[in-house]
Amino acid sequence: MKKCVHLHIQGLVQGVGFRYFVNKSARQHYLGGWVKNLPDGRVEVMAEGDELELQEFVSAMRKGSRFSTVQNVEVEWLPATNKFNHFQIID
């Protein structure tokens, strides 16, 4: 079943290649959507795809990359929109 997840990730997640980690993980899980840095130091993610793939993706976001330190992940589950064809990094 297809779903969408909206994440706000807090911690040492900017300036450490975290968006590239998110992008790679999303592509490994066949997800569409986007990732971007926020002015307050968090990273925002919108991802859509198979619910099981999304659950694994969220788990990976909680762990973070080897150069990041994730302190908190706010997770909001949403209905699928079917408007994402690929995953991208937004500057």
C-alpha atoms as a PDB file:
ATOM      1  CA  MET A   1       0.000   0.000   0.000  1.00  0.00           C
ATOM      2  CA  LYS A   2       1.337   3.400  -0.977  1.00  0.00           C
ATOM      3  CA  LYS A   3       1.713   6.134   1.665  1.00  0.00           C
ATOM      4  CA  CYS A   4       3.506   9.409   2.266  1.00  0.00           C
ATOM      5  CA  VAL A   5       5.637  10.447   5.241  1.00  0.00           C
ATOM      6  CA  HIS A   6       6.646  13.982   6.276  1.00  0.00           C
ATOM      7  CA  LEU A   7       9.720  14.180   8.517  1.00  0.00           C
ATOM      8  CA  HIS A   8      11.474  16.894  10.489  1.00  0.00           C
ATOM      9  CA  ILE A   9      14.909  15.674  11.580  1.00  0.00           C
ATOM     10  CA  GLN A  10      16.772  17.444  14.357  1.00  0.00           C
ATOM     11  CA  GLY A  11      20.392  17.172  15.485  1.00  0.00           C
ATOM     12  CA  LEU A  12      23.726  17.561  13.733  1.00  0.00           C
ATOM     13  CA  VAL A  13      22.176  17.098  10.292  1.00  0.00           C
ATOM     14  CA  GLN A  14      23.382  20.114   8.313  1.00  0.00           C
ATOM     15  CA  GLY A  15      26.860  20.518   6.870  1.00  0.00           C
ATOM     16  CA  VAL A  16      27.615  16.793   7.184  1.00  0.00           C
ATOM     17  CA  GLY A  17      26.226  15.417   3.902  1.00  0.00           C
ATOM     18  CA  PHE A  18      22.940  14.359   5.501  1.00  0.00           C
ATOM     19  CA  ARG A  19      20.755  15.371   2.541  1.00  0.00           C
ATOM     20  CA  TYR A  20      22.871  13.133   0.282  1.00  0.00           C
ATOM     21  CA  PHE A  21      22.440  10.281   2.769  1.00  0.00           C
ATOM     22  CA  VAL A  22      18.654  10.851   2.715  1.00  0.00           C
ATOM     23  CA  ASN A  23      18.632  10.956  -1.095  1.00  0.00           C
ATOM     24  CA  LYS A  24      20.612   7.721  -1.392  1.00  0.00           C
ATOM     25  CA  SER A  25      18.425   5.954   1.181  1.00  0.00           C
ATOM     26  CA  ALA A  26      15.218   7.126  -0.518  1.00  0.00           C
ATOM     27  CA  ARG A  27      16.415   5.847  -3.877  1.00  0.00           C
ATOM     28  CA  GLN A  28      17.396   2.493  -2.332  1.00  0.00           C
ATOM     29  CA  HIS A  29      13.816   2.211  -1.059  1.00  0.00           C
ATOM     30  CA  TYR A  30      12.273   3.308  -4.401  1.00  0.00           C
ATOM     31  CA  LEU A  31      10.718   6.440  -2.875  1.00  0.00           C
ATOM     32  CA  GLY A  32       9.745   9.701  -4.507  1.00  0.00           C
ATOM     33  CA  GLY A  33       9.837  13.085  -2.801  1.00  0.00           C
ATOM     34  CA  TRP A  34      12.378  15.613  -1.600  1.00  0.00           C
ATOM     35  CA  VAL A  35      14.753  16.678   1.189  1.00  0.00           C
ATOM     36  CA  LYS A  36      15.835  20.182   2.191  1.00  0.00           C
ATOM     37  CA  ASN A  37      17.642  22.057   4.948  1.00  0.00           C
ATOM     38  CA  LEU A  38      15.580  24.403   7.112  1.00  0.00           C
ATOM     39  CA  PRO A  39      16.842  27.741   8.490  1.00  0.00           C
ATOM     40  CA  ASP A  40      16.437  26.469  12.077  1.00  0.00           C
ATOM     41  CA  GLY A  41      19.034  23.697  11.565  1.00  0.00           C
ATOM     42  CA  ARG A  42      16.589  20.832  10.960  1.00  0.00           C
ATOM     43  CA  VAL A  43      16.178  18.815   7.775  1.00  0.00           C
ATOM     44  CA  GLU A  44      12.714  18.368   6.248  1.00  0.00           C
ATOM     45  CA  VAL A  45      11.798  15.306   4.183  1.00  0.00           C
ATOM     46  CA  MET A  46       8.698  14.391   2.183  1.00  0.00           C
ATOM     47  CA  ALA A  47       8.777  10.814   0.896  1.00  0.00           C
ATOM     48  CA  GLU A  48       6.194   8.658  -0.821  1.00  0.00           C
ATOM     49  CA  GLY A  49       6.116   4.995  -1.729  1.00  0.00           C
ATOM     50  CA  ASP A  50       5.366   1.524  -0.434  1.00  0.00           C
ATOM     51  CA  GLU A  51       4.491   1.593   3.286  1.00  0.00           C
ATOM     52  CA  LEU A  52       7.027  -1.106   4.237  1.00  0.00           C
ATOM     53  CA  GLU A  53       9.798   0.693   2.332  1.00  0.00           C
ATOM     54  CA  LEU A  54       8.824   3.933   4.101  1.00  0.00           C
ATOM     55  CA  GLN A  55       9.023   2.250   7.512  1.00  0.00           C
ATOM     56  CA  GLU A  56      12.558   1.040   6.734  1.00  0.00           C
ATOM     57  CA  PHE A  57      13.436   4.523   5.440  1.00  0.00           C
ATOM     58  CA  VAL A  58      12.189   6.168   8.657  1.00  0.00           C
ATOM     59  CA  SER A  59      14.286   3.716  10.696  1.00  0.00           C
ATOM     60  CA  ALA A  60      17.346   4.696   8.658  1.00  0.00           C
ATOM     61  CA  MET A  61      16.592   8.384   9.274  1.00  0.00           C
ATOM     62  CA  ARG A  62      16.454   7.750  13.034  1.00  0.00           C
ATOM     63  CA  LYS A  63      19.926   6.174  12.896  1.00  0.00           C
ATOM     64  CA  GLY A  64      21.379   8.823  10.583  1.00  0.00           C
ATOM     65  CA  SER A  65      24.553   8.739   8.560  1.00  0.00           C
ATOM     66  CA  ARG A  66      27.991   8.070   9.923  1.00  0.00           C
ATOM     67  CA  PHE A  67      28.800  11.795  10.078  1.00  0.00           C
ATOM     68  CA  SER A  68      25.469  12.965  11.527  1.00  0.00           C
ATOM     69  CA  THR A  69      23.919  12.830  14.974  1.00  0.00           C
ATOM     70  CA  VAL A  70      20.131  12.527  14.936  1.00  0.00           C
ATOM     71  CA  GLN A  71      18.476  13.718  18.144  1.00  0.00           C
ATOM     72  CA  ASN A  72      14.812  13.625  17.133  1.00  0.00           C
ATOM     73  CA  VAL A  73      12.635  12.679  14.164  1.00  0.00           C
ATOM     74  CA  GLU A  74       9.090  14.028  13.955  1.00  0.00           C
ATOM     75  CA  VAL A  75       7.031  11.688  11.772  1.00  0.00           C
ATOM     76  CA  GLU A  76       3.699  12.521  10.150  1.00  0.00           C
ATOM     77  CA  TRP A  77       2.021   9.806   8.055  1.00  0.00           C
ATOM     78  CA  LEU A  78      -0.134  11.074   5.196  1.00  0.00           C
ATOM     79  CA  PRO A  79      -2.152   9.590   2.341  1.00  0.00           C
ATOM     80  CA  ALA A  80      -0.225   9.115  -0.909  1.00  0.00           C
ATOM     81  CA  THR A  81      -0.447  12.003  -3.379  1.00  0.00           C
ATOM     82  CA  ASN A  82       1.065  10.221  -6.412  1.00  0.00           C
ATOM     83  CA  LYS A  83       2.802  13.465  -7.454  1.00  0.00           C
ATOM     84  CA  PHE A  84       6.451  12.413  -6.918  1.00  0.00           C
ATOM     85  CA  ASN A  85       8.193  10.638  -9.810  1.00  0.00           C
ATOM     86  CA  HIS A  86      11.671  10.702  -8.268  1.00  0.00           C
ATOM     87  CA  PHE A  87      13.540  11.853  -5.154  1.00  0.00           C
ATOM     88  CA  GLN A  88      15.440  15.139  -5.160  1.00  0.00           C
ATOM     89  CA  ILE A  89      17.542  17.407  -2.992  1.00  0.00           C
ATOM     90  CA  ILE A  90      16.127  20.943  -2.771  1.00  0.00           C
ATOM     91  CA  ASP A  91      18.672  23.697  -2.147  1.00  0.00           C
END
